[in-house]
mmCIF file of all heavy atoms, coordinates in Angstrom:
data_MODEL
# 
_entry.id   MODEL 
# 
loop_
_atom_site.group_PDB 
_atom_site.id 
_atom_site.type_symbol 
_atom_site.label_atom_id 
_atom_site.label_alt_id 
_atom_site.label_comp_id 
_atom_site.label_asym_id 
_atom_site.label_entity_id 
_atom_site.label_seq_id 
_atom_site.pdbx_PDB_ins_code 
_atom_site.Cartn_x 
_atom_site.Cartn_y 
_atom_site.Cartn_z 
_atom_site.occupancy 
_atom_site.B_iso_or_equiv 
_atom_site.pdbx_formal_charge 
_atom_site.auth_seq_id 
_atom_site.auth_comp_id 
_atom_site.auth_asym_id 
_atom_site.auth_atom_id 
_atom_site.pdbx_PDB_model_num 
ATOM 1   N N   . LEU A 1 1  ? 0.826  -1.214  -0.025 1.00 0.00 ? 1  LEU A N   1 
ATOM 2   C CA  . LEU A 1 1  ? -0.001 0.012   -0.002 1.00 0.00 ? 1  LEU A CA  1 
ATOM 3   C C   . LEU A 1 1  ? 0.860  1.263   0.011  1.00 0.00 ? 1  LEU A C   1 
ATOM 4   O O   . LEU A 1 1  ? 1.841  1.330   0.714  1.00 0.00 ? 1  LEU A O   1 
ATOM 5   C CB  . LEU A 1 1  ? -0.915 -0.053  1.235  1.00 0.00 ? 1  LEU A CB  1 
ATOM 6   C CG  . LEU A 1 1  ? -2.020 1.024   1.318  1.00 0.00 ? 1  LEU A CG  1 
ATOM 7   C CD1 . LEU A 1 1  ? -3.087 0.750   0.294  1.00 0.00 ? 1  LEU A CD1 1 
ATOM 8   C CD2 . LEU A 1 1  ? -2.629 0.916   2.723  1.00 0.00 ? 1  LEU A CD2 1 
ATOM 9   N N   . ARG A 1 2  ? 0.454  2.252   -0.783 1.00 0.00 ? 2  ARG A N   1 
ATOM 10  C CA  . ARG A 1 2  ? 1.129  3.537   -0.813 1.00 0.00 ? 2  ARG A CA  1 
ATOM 11  C C   . ARG A 1 2  ? 0.657  4.347   0.419  1.00 0.00 ? 2  ARG A C   1 
ATOM 12  O O   . ARG A 1 2  ? -0.551 4.397   0.701  1.00 0.00 ? 2  ARG A O   1 
ATOM 13  C CB  . ARG A 1 2  ? 0.892  4.297   -2.123 1.00 0.00 ? 2  ARG A CB  1 
ATOM 14  C CG  . ARG A 1 2  ? 1.908  5.400   -2.320 1.00 0.00 ? 2  ARG A CG  1 
ATOM 15  C CD  . ARG A 1 2  ? 1.790  6.070   -3.659 1.00 0.00 ? 2  ARG A CD  1 
ATOM 16  N NE  . ARG A 1 2  ? 2.164  5.140   -4.808 1.00 0.00 ? 2  ARG A NE  1 
ATOM 17  C CZ  . ARG A 1 2  ? 3.435  4.849   -5.160 1.00 0.00 ? 2  ARG A CZ  1 
ATOM 18  N NH1 . ARG A 1 2  ? 4.395  5.407   -4.459 1.00 0.00 ? 2  ARG A NH1 1 
ATOM 19  N NH2 . ARG A 1 2  ? 3.641  4.081   -6.158 1.00 0.00 ? 2  ARG A NH2 1 
ATOM 20  N N   . LEU A 1 3  ? 1.569  5.012   1.099  1.00 0.00 ? 3  LEU A N   1 
ATOM 21  C CA  . LEU A 1 3  ? 1.253  5.743   2.294  1.00 0.00 ? 3  LEU A CA  1 
ATOM 22  C C   . LEU A 1 3  ? 0.637  7.130   2.020  1.00 0.00 ? 3  LEU A C   1 
ATOM 23  O O   . LEU A 1 3  ? 1.146  7.805   1.073  1.00 0.00 ? 3  LEU A O   1 
ATOM 24  C CB  . LEU A 1 3  ? 2.475  5.983   3.134  1.00 0.00 ? 3  LEU A CB  1 
ATOM 25  C CG  . LEU A 1 3  ? 3.212  4.677   3.541  1.00 0.00 ? 3  LEU A CG  1 
ATOM 26  C CD1 . LEU A 1 3  ? 4.400  5.024   4.425  1.00 0.00 ? 3  LEU A CD1 1 
ATOM 27  C CD2 . LEU A 1 3  ? 2.344  3.731   4.281  1.00 0.00 ? 3  LEU A CD2 1 
ATOM 28  N N   . SER A 1 4  ? -0.422 7.486   2.698  1.00 0.00 ? 4  SER A N   1 
ATOM 29  C CA  . SER A 1 4  ? -1.084 8.732   2.499  1.00 0.00 ? 4  SER A CA  1 
ATOM 30  C C   . SER A 1 4  ? -1.398 9.381   3.829  1.00 0.00 ? 4  SER A C   1 
ATOM 31  O O   . SER A 1 4  ? -1.467 8.770   4.851  1.00 0.00 ? 4  SER A O   1 
ATOM 32  C CB  . SER A 1 4  ? -2.357 8.518   1.662  1.00 0.00 ? 4  SER A CB  1 
ATOM 33  O OG  . SER A 1 4  ? -3.268 7.668   2.325  1.00 0.00 ? 4  SER A OG  1 
ATOM 34  N N   . GLU A 1 5  ? -1.620 10.690  3.773  1.00 0.00 ? 5  GLU A N   1 
ATOM 35  C CA  . GLU A 1 5  ? -1.879 11.504  4.966  1.00 0.00 ? 5  GLU A CA  1 
ATOM 36  C C   . GLU A 1 5  ? -3.117 10.951  5.733  1.00 0.00 ? 5  GLU A C   1 
ATOM 37  O O   . GLU A 1 5  ? -4.106 10.633  5.125  1.00 0.00 ? 5  GLU A O   1 
ATOM 38  C CB  . GLU A 1 5  ? -2.055 12.948  4.594  1.00 0.00 ? 5  GLU A CB  1 
ATOM 39  C CG  . GLU A 1 5  ? -2.181 13.875  5.781  1.00 0.00 ? 5  GLU A CG  1 
ATOM 40  C CD  . GLU A 1 5  ? -2.254 15.328  5.403  1.00 0.00 ? 5  GLU A CD  1 
ATOM 41  O OE1 . GLU A 1 5  ? -2.285 15.661  4.174  1.00 0.00 ? 5  GLU A OE1 1 
ATOM 42  O OE2 . GLU A 1 5  ? -2.319 16.195  6.320  1.00 0.00 ? 5  GLU A OE2 1 
ATOM 43  N N   . GLY A 1 6  ? -2.953 10.868  7.057  1.00 0.00 ? 6  GLY A N   1 
ATOM 44  C CA  . GLY A 1 6  ? -4.086 10.418  7.868  1.00 0.00 ? 6  GLY A CA  1 
ATOM 45  C C   . GLY A 1 6  ? -4.031 8.976   8.272  1.00 0.00 ? 6  GLY A C   1 
ATOM 46  O O   . GLY A 1 6  ? -4.843 8.505   9.104  1.00 0.00 ? 6  GLY A O   1 
ATOM 47  N N   . MET A 1 7  ? -3.138 8.165   7.650  1.00 0.00 ? 7  MET A N   1 
ATOM 48  C CA  . MET A 1 7  ? -2.962 6.796   8.107  1.00 0.00 ? 7  MET A CA  1 
ATOM 49  C C   . MET A 1 7  ? -2.330 6.796   9.483  1.00 0.00 ? 7  MET A C   1 
ATOM 50  O O   . MET A 1 7  ? -1.438 7.599   9.761  1.00 0.00 ? 7  MET A O   1 
ATOM 51  C CB  . MET A 1 7  ? -2.114 5.987   7.149  1.00 0.00 ? 7  MET A CB  1 
ATOM 52  C CG  . MET A 1 7  ? -2.691 5.692   5.805  1.00 0.00 ? 7  MET A CG  1 
ATOM 53  S SD  . MET A 1 7  ? -1.560 4.729   4.794  1.00 0.00 ? 7  MET A SD  1 
ATOM 54  C CE  . MET A 1 7  ? -2.560 4.395   3.346  1.00 0.00 ? 7  MET A CE  1 
ATOM 55  N N   . VAL A 1 8  ? -2.799 5.889   10.340 1.00 0.00 ? 8  VAL A N   1 
ATOM 56  C CA  . VAL A 1 8  ? -2.194 5.735   11.653 1.00 0.00 ? 8  VAL A CA  1 
ATOM 57  C C   . VAL A 1 8  ? -2.016 4.240   11.855 1.00 0.00 ? 8  VAL A C   1 
ATOM 58  O O   . VAL A 1 8  ? -2.917 3.437   11.703 1.00 0.00 ? 8  VAL A O   1 
ATOM 59  C CB  . VAL A 1 8  ? -3.073 6.297   12.794 1.00 0.00 ? 8  VAL A CB  1 
ATOM 60  C CG1 . VAL A 1 8  ? -2.415 6.085   14.108 1.00 0.00 ? 8  VAL A CG1 1 
ATOM 61  C CG2 . VAL A 1 8  ? -3.388 7.753   12.570 1.00 0.00 ? 8  VAL A CG2 1 
ATOM 62  N N   . PHE A 1 9  ? -0.749 3.882   12.189 1.00 0.00 ? 9  PHE A N   1 
ATOM 63  C CA  . PHE A 1 9  ? -0.499 2.437   12.412 1.00 0.00 ? 9  PHE A CA  1 
ATOM 64  C C   . PHE A 1 9  ? 0.757  2.293   13.337 1.00 0.00 ? 9  PHE A C   1 
ATOM 65  O O   . PHE A 1 9  ? 1.418  3.286   13.705 1.00 0.00 ? 9  PHE A O   1 
ATOM 66  C CB  . PHE A 1 9  ? -0.243 1.725   11.107 1.00 0.00 ? 9  PHE A CB  1 
ATOM 67  C CG  . PHE A 1 9  ? 0.775  2.354   10.179 1.00 0.00 ? 9  PHE A CG  1 
ATOM 68  C CD1 . PHE A 1 9  ? 2.163  2.172   10.371 1.00 0.00 ? 9  PHE A CD1 1 
ATOM 69  C CD2 . PHE A 1 9  ? 0.384  3.088   9.079  1.00 0.00 ? 9  PHE A CD2 1 
ATOM 70  C CE1 . PHE A 1 9  ? 3.117  2.752   9.538  1.00 0.00 ? 9  PHE A CE1 1 
ATOM 71  C CE2 . PHE A 1 9  ? 1.279  3.681   8.188  1.00 0.00 ? 9  PHE A CE2 1 
ATOM 72  C CZ  . PHE A 1 9  ? 2.680  3.511   8.442  1.00 0.00 ? 9  PHE A CZ  1 
ATOM 73  N N   . THR A 1 10 ? 0.947  1.068   13.750 1.00 0.00 ? 10 THR A N   1 
ATOM 74  C CA  . THR A 1 10 ? 2.140  0.738   14.549 1.00 0.00 ? 10 THR A CA  1 
ATOM 75  C C   . THR A 1 10 ? 3.226  0.164   13.720 1.00 0.00 ? 10 THR A C   1 
ATOM 76  O O   . THR A 1 10 ? 3.006  -0.530  12.691 1.00 0.00 ? 10 THR A O   1 
ATOM 77  C CB  . THR A 1 10 ? 1.863  -0.237  15.630 1.00 0.00 ? 10 THR A CB  1 
ATOM 78  O OG1 . THR A 1 10 ? 1.547  -1.588  15.119 1.00 0.00 ? 10 THR A OG1 1 
ATOM 79  C CG2 . THR A 1 10 ? 0.609  0.175   16.499 1.00 0.00 ? 10 THR A CG2 1 
ATOM 80  N N   . ILE A 1 11 ? 4.473  0.405   14.103 1.00 0.00 ? 11 ILE A N   1 
ATOM 81  C CA  . ILE A 1 11 ? 5.631  -0.295  13.587 1.00 0.00 ? 11 ILE A CA  1 
ATOM 82  C C   . ILE A 1 11 ? 6.218  -0.980  14.856 1.00 0.00 ? 11 ILE A C   1 
ATOM 83  O O   . ILE A 1 11 ? 6.490  -0.282  15.868 1.00 0.00 ? 11 ILE A O   1 
ATOM 84  C CB  . ILE A 1 11 ? 6.645  0.581   12.950 1.00 0.00 ? 11 ILE A CB  1 
ATOM 85  C CG1 . ILE A 1 11 ? 6.050  1.317   11.727 1.00 0.00 ? 11 ILE A CG1 1 
ATOM 86  C CG2 . ILE A 1 11 ? 7.910  -0.163  12.528 1.00 0.00 ? 11 ILE A CG2 1 
ATOM 87  C CD1 . ILE A 1 11 ? 6.911  2.331   11.084 1.00 0.00 ? 11 ILE A CD1 1 
ATOM 88  N N   . GLU A 1 12 ? 6.452  -2.284  14.840 1.00 0.00 ? 12 GLU A N   1 
ATOM 89  C CA  . GLU A 1 12 ? 6.817  -3.009  16.063 1.00 0.00 ? 12 GLU A CA  1 
ATOM 90  C C   . GLU A 1 12 ? 7.726  -4.224  15.771 1.00 0.00 ? 12 GLU A C   1 
ATOM 91  O O   . GLU A 1 12 ? 7.361  -5.403  16.093 1.00 0.00 ? 12 GLU A O   1 
ATOM 92  C CB  . GLU A 1 12 ? 5.583  -3.433  16.797 1.00 0.00 ? 12 GLU A CB  1 
ATOM 93  C CG  . GLU A 1 12 ? 4.535  -4.125  15.995 1.00 0.00 ? 12 GLU A CG  1 
ATOM 94  C CD  . GLU A 1 12 ? 3.234  -4.426  16.798 1.00 0.00 ? 12 GLU A CD  1 
ATOM 95  O OE1 . GLU A 1 12 ? 3.339  -5.282  17.675 1.00 0.00 ? 12 GLU A OE1 1 
ATOM 96  O OE2 . GLU A 1 12 ? 2.224  -3.795  16.484 1.00 0.00 ? 12 GLU A OE2 1 
ATOM 97  N N   . PRO A 1 13 ? 8.923  -3.994  15.254 1.00 0.00 ? 13 PRO A N   1 
ATOM 98  C CA  . PRO A 1 13 ? 9.792  -5.132  14.889 1.00 0.00 ? 13 PRO A CA  1 
ATOM 99  C C   . PRO A 1 13 ? 10.135 -5.986  16.091 1.00 0.00 ? 13 PRO A C   1 
ATOM 100 O O   . PRO A 1 13 ? 10.485 -5.507  17.153 1.00 0.00 ? 13 PRO A O   1 
ATOM 101 C CB  . PRO A 1 13 ? 11.023 -4.486  14.291 1.00 0.00 ? 13 PRO A CB  1 
ATOM 102 C CG  . PRO A 1 13 ? 11.007 -3.070  14.840 1.00 0.00 ? 13 PRO A CG  1 
ATOM 103 C CD  . PRO A 1 13 ? 9.532  -2.715  14.941 1.00 0.00 ? 13 PRO A CD  1 
ATOM 104 N N   . MET A 1 14 ? 9.989  -7.292  15.896 1.00 0.00 ? 14 MET A N   1 
ATOM 105 C CA  . MET A 1 14 ? 10.432 -8.275  16.871 1.00 0.00 ? 14 MET A CA  1 
ATOM 106 C C   . MET A 1 14 ? 11.663 -8.964  16.214 1.00 0.00 ? 14 MET A C   1 
ATOM 107 O O   . MET A 1 14 ? 11.566 -9.619  15.222 1.00 0.00 ? 14 MET A O   1 
ATOM 108 C CB  . MET A 1 14 ? 9.348  -9.274  17.166 1.00 0.00 ? 14 MET A CB  1 
ATOM 109 C CG  . MET A 1 14 ? 8.059  -8.652  17.691 1.00 0.00 ? 14 MET A CG  1 
ATOM 110 S SD  . MET A 1 14 ? 6.665  -9.721  17.717 1.00 0.00 ? 14 MET A SD  1 
ATOM 111 C CE  . MET A 1 14 ? 5.340  -8.491  17.523 1.00 0.00 ? 14 MET A CE  1 
ATOM 112 N N   . ILE A 1 15 ? 12.792 -8.747  16.924 1.00 0.00 ? 15 ILE A N   1 
ATOM 113 C CA  . ILE A 1 15 ? 14.098 -9.233  16.345 1.00 0.00 ? 15 ILE A CA  1 
ATOM 114 C C   . ILE A 1 15 ? 14.667 -10.302 17.243 1.00 0.00 ? 15 ILE A C   1 
ATOM 115 O O   . ILE A 1 15 ? 14.760 -10.111 18.490 1.00 0.00 ? 15 ILE A O   1 
ATOM 116 C CB  . ILE A 1 15 ? 15.029 -7.978  16.215 1.00 0.00 ? 15 ILE A CB  1 
ATOM 117 C CG1 . ILE A 1 15 ? 14.371 -6.872  15.398 1.00 0.00 ? 15 ILE A CG1 1 
ATOM 118 C CG2 . ILE A 1 15 ? 16.338 -8.432  15.540 1.00 0.00 ? 15 ILE A CG2 1 
ATOM 119 C CD1 . ILE A 1 15 ? 13.958 -7.193  14.004 1.00 0.00 ? 15 ILE A CD1 1 
ATOM 120 N N   . ASN A 1 16 ? 15.140 -11.397 16.641 1.00 0.00 ? 16 ASN A N   1 
ATOM 121 C CA  . ASN A 1 16 ? 15.671 -12.516 17.393 1.00 0.00 ? 16 ASN A CA  1 
ATOM 122 C C   . ASN A 1 16 ? 17.185 -12.621 17.234 1.00 0.00 ? 16 ASN A C   1 
ATOM 123 O O   . ASN A 1 16 ? 17.733 -12.370 16.186 1.00 0.00 ? 16 ASN A O   1 
ATOM 124 C CB  . ASN A 1 16 ? 15.025 -13.818 16.934 1.00 0.00 ? 16 ASN A CB  1 
ATOM 125 C CG  . ASN A 1 16 ? 13.562 -13.888 17.276 1.00 0.00 ? 16 ASN A CG  1 
ATOM 126 O OD1 . ASN A 1 16 ? 13.005 -13.037 17.976 1.00 0.00 ? 16 ASN A OD1 1 
ATOM 127 N ND2 . ASN A 1 16 ? 12.870 -14.914 16.746 1.00 0.00 ? 16 ASN A ND2 1 
ATOM 128 N N   . LEU A 1 17 ? 17.816 -13.096 18.253 1.00 0.00 ? 17 LEU A N   1 
ATOM 129 C CA  . LEU A 1 17 ? 19.272 -13.362 18.223 1.00 0.00 ? 17 LEU A CA  1 
ATOM 130 C C   . LEU A 1 17 ? 19.606 -14.523 17.253 1.00 0.00 ? 17 LEU A C   1 
ATOM 131 O O   . LEU A 1 17 ? 20.567 -14.498 16.561 1.00 0.00 ? 17 LEU A O   1 
ATOM 132 C CB  . LEU A 1 17 ? 19.736 -13.693 19.606 1.00 0.00 ? 17 LEU A CB  1 
ATOM 133 C CG  . LEU A 1 17 ? 21.237 -13.466 19.996 1.00 0.00 ? 17 LEU A CG  1 
ATOM 134 C CD1 . LEU A 1 17 ? 21.638 -12.006 19.734 1.00 0.00 ? 17 LEU A CD1 1 
ATOM 135 C CD2 . LEU A 1 17 ? 21.421 -13.825 21.464 1.00 0.00 ? 17 LEU A CD2 1 
ATOM 136 N N   . GLY A 1 18 ? 18.696 -15.518 17.227 1.00 0.00 ? 18 GLY A N   1 
ATOM 137 C CA  . GLY A 1 18 ? 18.919 -16.695 16.351 1.00 0.00 ? 18 GLY A CA  1 
ATOM 138 C C   . GLY A 1 18 ? 17.864 -16.792 15.298 1.00 0.00 ? 18 GLY A C   1 
ATOM 139 O O   . GLY A 1 18 ? 17.595 -15.837 14.645 1.00 0.00 ? 18 GLY A O   1 
ATOM 140 N N   . SER A 1 19 ? 17.220 -17.950 15.202 1.00 0.00 ? 19 SER A N   1 
ATOM 141 C CA  . SER A 1 19 ? 16.212 -18.196 14.195 1.00 0.00 ? 19 SER A CA  1 
ATOM 142 C C   . SER A 1 19 ? 14.970 -17.355 14.401 1.00 0.00 ? 19 SER A C   1 
ATOM 143 O O   . SER A 1 19 ? 14.667 -17.025 15.585 1.00 0.00 ? 19 SER A O   1 
ATOM 144 C CB  . SER A 1 19 ? 15.812 -19.668 14.226 1.00 0.00 ? 19 SER A CB  1 
ATOM 145 O OG  . SER A 1 19 ? 14.658 -19.902 13.500 1.00 0.00 ? 19 SER A OG  1 
ATOM 146 N N   . TYR A 1 20 ? 14.301 -16.978 13.299 1.00 0.00 ? 20 TYR A N   1 
ATOM 147 C CA  . TYR A 1 20 ? 13.028 -16.232 13.423 1.00 0.00 ? 20 TYR A CA  1 
ATOM 148 C C   . TYR A 1 20 ? 11.825 -17.167 13.702 1.00 0.00 ? 20 TYR A C   1 
ATOM 149 O O   . TYR A 1 20 ? 10.727 -16.664 13.985 1.00 0.00 ? 20 TYR A O   1 
ATOM 150 C CB  . TYR A 1 20 ? 12.751 -15.360 12.239 1.00 0.00 ? 20 TYR A CB  1 
ATOM 151 C CG  . TYR A 1 20 ? 12.593 -16.100 10.910 1.00 0.00 ? 20 TYR A CG  1 
ATOM 152 C CD1 . TYR A 1 20 ? 11.443 -16.858 10.605 1.00 0.00 ? 20 TYR A CD1 1 
ATOM 153 C CD2 . TYR A 1 20 ? 13.599 -15.975 9.925  1.00 0.00 ? 20 TYR A CD2 1 
ATOM 154 C CE1 . TYR A 1 20 ? 11.316 -17.510 9.367  1.00 0.00 ? 20 TYR A CE1 1 
ATOM 155 C CE2 . TYR A 1 20 ? 13.446 -16.642 8.747  1.00 0.00 ? 20 TYR A CE2 1 
ATOM 156 C CZ  . TYR A 1 20 ? 12.281 -17.388 8.434  1.00 0.00 ? 20 TYR A CZ  1 
ATOM 157 O OH  . TYR A 1 20 ? 12.189 -17.984 7.186  1.00 0.00 ? 20 TYR A OH  1 
ATOM 158 N N   . ASN A 1 21 ? 12.016 -18.498 13.664 1.00 0.00 ? 21 ASN A N   1 
ATOM 159 C CA  . ASN A 1 21 ? 10.940 -19.382 13.943 1.00 0.00 ? 21 ASN A CA  1 
ATOM 160 C C   . ASN A 1 21 ? 10.502 -19.380 15.432 1.00 0.00 ? 21 ASN A C   1 
ATOM 161 O O   . ASN A 1 21 ? 11.274 -19.107 16.294 1.00 0.00 ? 21 ASN A O   1 
ATOM 162 C CB  . ASN A 1 21 ? 11.333 -20.798 13.503 1.00 0.00 ? 21 ASN A CB  1 
ATOM 163 C CG  . ASN A 1 21 ? 11.500 -20.987 12.022 1.00 0.00 ? 21 ASN A CG  1 
ATOM 164 O OD1 . ASN A 1 21 ? 10.661 -20.519 11.275 1.00 0.00 ? 21 ASN A OD1 1 
ATOM 165 N ND2 . ASN A 1 21 ? 12.624 -21.505 11.625 1.00 0.00 ? 21 ASN A ND2 1 
ATOM 166 N N   . LEU A 1 22 ? 9.198  -19.636 15.622 1.00 0.00 ? 22 LEU A N   1 
ATOM 167 C CA  . LEU A 1 22 ? 8.673  -19.509 16.927 1.00 0.00 ? 22 LEU A CA  1 
ATOM 168 C C   . LEU A 1 22 ? 7.739  -20.720 17.218 1.00 0.00 ? 22 LEU A C   1 
ATOM 169 O O   . LEU A 1 22 ? 7.366  -21.460 16.345 1.00 0.00 ? 22 LEU A O   1 
ATOM 170 C CB  . LEU A 1 22 ? 7.924  -18.162 17.104 1.00 0.00 ? 22 LEU A CB  1 
ATOM 171 C CG  . LEU A 1 22 ? 6.747  -17.903 16.149 1.00 0.00 ? 22 LEU A CG  1 
ATOM 172 C CD1 . LEU A 1 22 ? 5.463  -18.602 16.553 1.00 0.00 ? 22 LEU A CD1 1 
ATOM 173 C CD2 . LEU A 1 22 ? 6.503  -16.400 16.068 1.00 0.00 ? 22 LEU A CD2 1 
ATOM 174 N N   . LYS A 1 23 ? 7.415  -20.803 18.503 1.00 0.00 ? 23 LYS A N   1 
ATOM 175 C CA  . LYS A 1 23 ? 6.393  -21.747 18.971 1.00 0.00 ? 23 LYS A CA  1 
ATOM 176 C C   . LYS A 1 23 ? 5.453  -21.033 19.984 1.00 0.00 ? 23 LYS A C   1 
ATOM 177 O O   . LYS A 1 23 ? 5.859  -19.996 20.576 1.00 0.00 ? 23 LYS A O   1 
ATOM 178 C CB  . LYS A 1 23 ? 7.061  -22.991 19.623 1.00 0.00 ? 23 LYS A CB  1 
ATOM 179 C CG  . LYS A 1 23 ? 7.975  -22.647 20.778 1.00 0.00 ? 23 LYS A CG  1 
ATOM 180 C CD  . LYS A 1 23 ? 8.748  -23.875 21.227 1.00 0.00 ? 23 LYS A CD  1 
ATOM 181 C CE  . LYS A 1 23 ? 9.689  -23.511 22.359 1.00 0.00 ? 23 LYS A CE  1 
ATOM 182 N NZ  . LYS A 1 23 ? 10.468 -24.723 22.806 1.00 0.00 ? 23 LYS A NZ  1 
ATOM 183 N N   . ILE A 1 24 ? 4.248  -21.534 20.159 1.00 0.00 ? 24 ILE A N   1 
ATOM 184 C CA  . ILE A 1 24 ? 3.314  -20.921 21.053 1.00 0.00 ? 24 ILE A CA  1 
ATOM 185 C C   . ILE A 1 24 ? 3.163  -21.826 22.315 1.00 0.00 ? 24 ILE A C   1 
ATOM 186 O O   . ILE A 1 24 ? 2.997  -23.000 22.171 1.00 0.00 ? 24 ILE A O   1 
ATOM 187 C CB  . ILE A 1 24 ? 1.920  -20.781 20.324 1.00 0.00 ? 24 ILE A CB  1 
ATOM 188 C CG1 . ILE A 1 24 ? 2.060  -19.967 19.060 1.00 0.00 ? 24 ILE A CG1 1 
ATOM 189 C CG2 . ILE A 1 24 ? 0.895  -20.115 21.292 1.00 0.00 ? 24 ILE A CG2 1 
ATOM 190 C CD1 . ILE A 1 24 ? 2.503  -18.544 19.255 1.00 0.00 ? 24 ILE A CD1 1 
ATOM 191 N N   . ASP A 1 25 ? 3.193  -21.137 23.450 1.00 0.00 ? 25 ASP A N   1 
ATOM 192 C CA  . ASP A 1 25 ? 3.047  -21.829 24.745 1.00 0.00 ? 25 ASP A CA  1 
ATOM 193 C C   . ASP A 1 25 ? 1.576  -22.442 24.828 1.00 0.00 ? 25 ASP A C   1 
ATOM 194 O O   . ASP A 1 25 ? 0.680  -22.105 24.111 1.00 0.00 ? 25 ASP A O   1 
ATOM 195 C CB  . ASP A 1 25 ? 3.280  -20.913 25.909 1.00 0.00 ? 25 ASP A CB  1 
ATOM 196 C CG  . ASP A 1 25 ? 4.760  -20.645 26.101 1.00 0.00 ? 25 ASP A CG  1 
ATOM 197 O OD1 . ASP A 1 25 ? 5.592  -21.184 25.340 1.00 0.00 ? 25 ASP A OD1 1 
ATOM 198 O OD2 . ASP A 1 25 ? 5.061  -19.866 27.025 1.00 0.00 ? 25 ASP A OD2 1 
ATOM 199 N N   . GLN A 1 26 ? 1.465  -23.284 25.860 1.00 0.00 ? 26 GLN A N   1 
ATOM 200 C CA  . GLN A 1 26 ? 0.142  -23.893 26.104 1.00 0.00 ? 26 GLN A CA  1 
ATOM 201 C C   . GLN A 1 26 ? -0.943 -22.973 26.466 1.00 0.00 ? 26 GLN A C   1 
ATOM 202 O O   . GLN A 1 26 ? -2.153 -23.259 26.313 1.00 0.00 ? 26 GLN A O   1 
ATOM 203 C CB  . GLN A 1 26 ? 0.273  -25.042 27.184 1.00 0.00 ? 26 GLN A CB  1 
ATOM 204 C CG  . GLN A 1 26 ? 1.034  -26.291 26.725 1.00 0.00 ? 26 GLN A CG  1 
ATOM 205 C CD  . GLN A 1 26 ? 1.050  -27.384 27.764 1.00 0.00 ? 26 GLN A CD  1 
ATOM 206 O OE1 . GLN A 1 26 ? 0.649  -27.126 28.908 1.00 0.00 ? 26 GLN A OE1 1 
ATOM 207 N NE2 . GLN A 1 26 ? 1.459  -28.577 27.409 1.00 0.00 ? 26 GLN A NE2 1 
ATOM 208 N N   . ASN A 1 27 ? -0.530 -21.752 26.930 1.00 0.00 ? 27 ASN A N   1 
ATOM 209 C CA  . ASN A 1 27 ? -1.608 -20.747 27.281 1.00 0.00 ? 27 ASN A CA  1 
ATOM 210 C C   . ASN A 1 27 ? -2.300 -20.197 26.002 1.00 0.00 ? 27 ASN A C   1 
ATOM 211 O O   . ASN A 1 27 ? -3.268 -19.457 26.110 1.00 0.00 ? 27 ASN A O   1 
ATOM 212 C CB  . ASN A 1 27 ? -0.976 -19.666 28.136 1.00 0.00 ? 27 ASN A CB  1 
ATOM 213 C CG  . ASN A 1 27 ? 0.047  -18.857 27.401 1.00 0.00 ? 27 ASN A CG  1 
ATOM 214 O OD1 . ASN A 1 27 ? 0.126  -18.726 26.228 1.00 0.00 ? 27 ASN A OD1 1 
ATOM 215 N ND2 . ASN A 1 27 ? 0.973  -18.234 28.187 1.00 0.00 ? 27 ASN A ND2 1 
ATOM 216 N N   . GLY A 1 28 ? -1.778 -20.593 24.803 1.00 0.00 ? 28 GLY A N   1 
ATOM 217 C CA  . GLY A 1 28 ? -2.398 -20.125 23.559 1.00 0.00 ? 28 GLY A CA  1 
ATOM 218 C C   . GLY A 1 28 ? -2.054 -18.717 23.165 1.00 0.00 ? 28 GLY A C   1 
ATOM 219 O O   . GLY A 1 28 ? -2.480 -18.258 22.083 1.00 0.00 ? 28 GLY A O   1 
ATOM 220 N N   . TRP A 1 29 ? -1.245 -17.980 23.939 1.00 0.00 ? 29 TRP A N   1 
ATOM 221 C CA  . TRP A 1 29 ? -0.854 -16.619 23.679 1.00 0.00 ? 29 TRP A CA  1 
ATOM 222 C C   . TRP A 1 29 ? 0.654  -16.424 23.426 1.00 0.00 ? 29 TRP A C   1 
ATOM 223 O O   . TRP A 1 29 ? 1.044  -15.840 22.450 1.00 0.00 ? 29 TRP A O   1 
ATOM 224 C CB  . TRP A 1 29 ? -1.297 -15.752 24.803 1.00 0.00 ? 29 TRP A CB  1 
ATOM 225 C CG  . TRP A 1 29 ? -2.733 -15.475 24.921 1.00 0.00 ? 29 TRP A CG  1 
ATOM 226 C CD1 . TRP A 1 29 ? -3.741 -16.218 25.574 1.00 0.00 ? 29 TRP A CD1 1 
ATOM 227 C CD2 . TRP A 1 29 ? -3.467 -14.395 24.270 1.00 0.00 ? 29 TRP A CD2 1 
ATOM 228 N NE1 . TRP A 1 29 ? -4.965 -15.598 25.443 1.00 0.00 ? 29 TRP A NE1 1 
ATOM 229 C CE2 . TRP A 1 29 ? -4.867 -14.539 24.567 1.00 0.00 ? 29 TRP A CE2 1 
ATOM 230 C CE3 . TRP A 1 29 ? -3.124 -13.367 23.417 1.00 0.00 ? 29 TRP A CE3 1 
ATOM 231 C CZ2 . TRP A 1 29 ? -5.809 -13.633 24.149 1.00 0.00 ? 29 TRP A CZ2 1 
ATOM 232 C CZ3 . TRP A 1 29 ? -4.038 -12.462 22.942 1.00 0.00 ? 29 TRP A CZ3 1 
ATOM 233 C CH2 . TRP A 1 29 ? -5.392 -12.604 23.338 1.00 0.00 ? 29 TRP A CH2 1 
# 
């Protein structure tokens, strides 16, 4: 998408020391 005036959003990089692969705990979150 091309950026235009009035858009509001977050930028929130999650950066890992090793692999970018992940797993989800039993709490589901």
